[in-house]
């Protein structure tokens, strides 16, 4: 099982790696960064570890 990287979108490390291989870059990381920049990131609250 792949470790969850983004609890907002539920992306795992494997999701990001596959996306990067498919697109030559990670469009998922771009989406995460854009969400964070817009103040819409809620990973800290959604993460069961509280981080």
Protein backbone atom coordinates (compact mmCIF):
# COMPACT_ATOMS: atom_id res chain seq x y z
CA UNK A 1 0.00 0.00 0.00
CA UNK A 2 1.36 3.41 -0.98
CA UNK A 3 1.67 6.16 1.62
CA UNK A 4 -0.86 9.00 1.39
CA UNK A 5 0.90 12.25 0.53
CA UNK A 6 -2.08 14.62 0.25
CA UNK A 7 -5.05 14.09 2.50
CA UNK A 8 -7.06 16.87 0.79
CA UNK A 9 -7.21 14.96 -2.49
CA UNK A 10 -6.28 11.50 -1.23
CA UNK A 11 -3.19 11.26 -3.45
CA UNK A 12 -0.62 8.63 -2.63
CA UNK A 13 3.08 8.56 -3.42
CA UNK A 14 2.31 6.01 -6.14
CA UNK A 15 -0.35 8.30 -7.68
CA UNK A 16 2.19 11.12 -7.95
CA UNK A 17 4.90 8.86 -9.37
CA UNK A 18 2.54 7.44 -12.01
CA UNK A 19 1.31 10.93 -12.91
CA UNK A 20 4.89 12.16 -13.34
CA UNK A 21 5.74 9.20 -15.57
CA UNK A 22 2.62 9.74 -17.68
CA UNK A 23 3.03 13.52 -18.09
CA UNK A 24 6.76 14.12 -17.73
CA UNK A 25 5.98 16.10 -14.58
CA UNK A 26 3.54 15.74 -11.73
CA UNK A 27 0.32 17.54 -12.51
CA UNK A 28 -0.98 16.27 -9.17
CA UNK A 29 1.76 18.12 -7.28
CA UNK A 30 0.88 21.22 -9.29
CA UNK A 31 -2.75 20.83 -8.19
CA UNK A 32 -1.70 20.41 -4.55
CA UNK A 33 0.56 23.50 -4.74
CA UNK A 34 -2.20 25.59 -6.35
CA UNK A 35 -4.68 24.52 -3.67
CA UNK A 36 -2.19 25.41 -0.94
CA UNK A 37 -1.43 28.81 -2.53
CA UNK A 38 -5.16 29.57 -2.73
CA UNK A 39 -5.53 28.83 0.98
CA UNK A 40 -7.71 25.80 0.29
CA UNK A 41 -5.31 23.24 1.74
CA UNK A 42 -6.81 21.26 4.63
CA UNK A 43 -4.24 18.46 4.86
CA UNK A 44 -3.25 19.40 8.40
CA UNK A 45 -6.84 18.83 9.56
CA UNK A 46 -7.52 15.84 7.32
CA UNK A 47 -4.29 14.03 8.19
CA UNK A 48 -5.03 11.43 10.86
CA UNK A 49 -1.55 12.06 12.32
CA UNK A 50 -2.41 15.73 12.75
CA UNK A 51 0.44 17.02 10.55
